[in-house]
């Protein structure tokens, strides 16, 4: 293969790779957008310091007595 043909082949390969990159970039943007659609933002809550375990053991604002096994 002469030099001109080799350069043309490289340009063709480059163009194909550019198309593939553009396609993959669009795919990443679509995936990021769909993941953001599932996000939930909650505002206006007053958070008191405490542990998560204590928070989940509360029922109607009153602590629940749990045994060692969490029952």
Protein backbone atom coordinates (compact mmCIF):
# COMPACT_ATOMS: atom_id res chain seq x y z
CA UNK A 1 0.00 0.00 0.00
CA UNK A 2 1.38 3.39 -0.90
CA UNK A 3 1.46 6.35 1.45
CA UNK A 4 -1.60 8.10 -0.04
CA UNK A 5 -3.76 4.99 0.36
CA UNK A 6 -2.51 4.52 3.90
CA UNK A 7 -3.41 8.11 4.81
CA UNK A 8 -6.88 7.69 3.27
CA UNK A 9 -7.39 4.47 5.23
CA UNK A 10 -6.35 6.23 8.45
CA UNK A 11 -8.74 9.12 7.73
CA UNK A 12 -11.58 6.65 7.18
CA UNK A 13 -10.72 4.79 10.39
CA UNK A 14 -10.53 8.10 12.25
CA UNK A 15 -13.96 9.17 10.96
CA UNK A 16 -15.48 5.85 12.05
CA UNK A 17 -13.96 6.19 15.52
CA UNK A 18 -15.26 9.78 15.77
CA UNK A 19 -18.78 8.50 14.98
CA UNK A 20 -18.42 5.78 17.60
CA UNK A 21 -17.20 8.30 20.21
CA UNK A 22 -20.14 10.63 19.45
CA UNK A 23 -22.56 7.70 19.79
CA UNK A 24 -21.03 6.64 23.12
CA UNK A 25 -21.10 10.23 24.43
CA UNK A 26 -24.82 10.46 23.59
CA UNK A 27 -25.39 7.11 25.32
CA UNK A 28 -23.60 8.30 28.48
CA UNK A 29 -25.66 11.51 28.51
CA UNK A 30 -28.88 9.48 28.13
CA UNK A 31 -27.90 7.16 30.98
CA UNK A 32 -26.96 10.07 33.24
CA UNK A 33 -30.27 11.78 32.48
CA UNK A 34 -32.29 8.67 33.22
CA UNK A 35 -30.45 8.17 36.52
CA UNK A 36 -31.22 11.76 37.52
CA UNK A 37 -34.92 11.17 36.82
CA UNK A 38 -34.95 8.75 39.76
CA UNK A 39 -33.40 11.24 42.20
CA UNK A 40 -35.59 12.62 44.97
CA UNK A 41 -34.83 15.89 46.69
CA UNK A 42 -36.50 16.49 50.03
CA UNK A 43 -36.45 19.97 51.54
CA UNK A 44 -37.86 21.52 54.66
CA UNK A 45 -37.12 18.69 57.08
CA UNK A 46 -35.73 19.51 60.49
CA UNK A 47 -33.04 16.98 61.31
CA UNK A 48 -32.06 16.26 64.88
CA UNK A 49 -28.70 14.68 65.71
CA UNK A 50 -28.92 10.97 66.43
CA UNK A 51 -28.10 7.61 65.07
CA UNK A 52 -29.83 5.91 62.20
CA UNK A 53 -30.64 2.93 64.43
CA UNK A 54 -32.46 5.22 66.84
CA UNK A 55 -34.32 6.93 64.01
CA UNK A 56 -35.64 3.68 62.57
CA UNK A 57 -36.66 2.44 66.02
CA UNK A 58 -39.09 5.34 66.39
CA UNK A 59 -42.80 4.82 65.76
CA UNK A 60 -45.15 7.81 65.75
CA UNK A 61 -42.46 9.86 67.44
CA UNK A 62 -42.18 7.51 70.40
CA UNK A 63 -39.24 5.12 70.96
CA UNK A 64 -39.97 1.42 70.55
CA UNK A 65 -38.41 -0.99 73.04
CA UNK A 66 -36.50 -3.54 71.00
CA UNK A 67 -34.91 -6.69 72.33
CA UNK A 68 -31.37 -7.73 71.42
CA UNK A 69 -32.53 -9.26 68.13
CA UNK A 70 -34.33 -6.06 67.10
CA UNK A 71 -37.84 -7.47 67.68
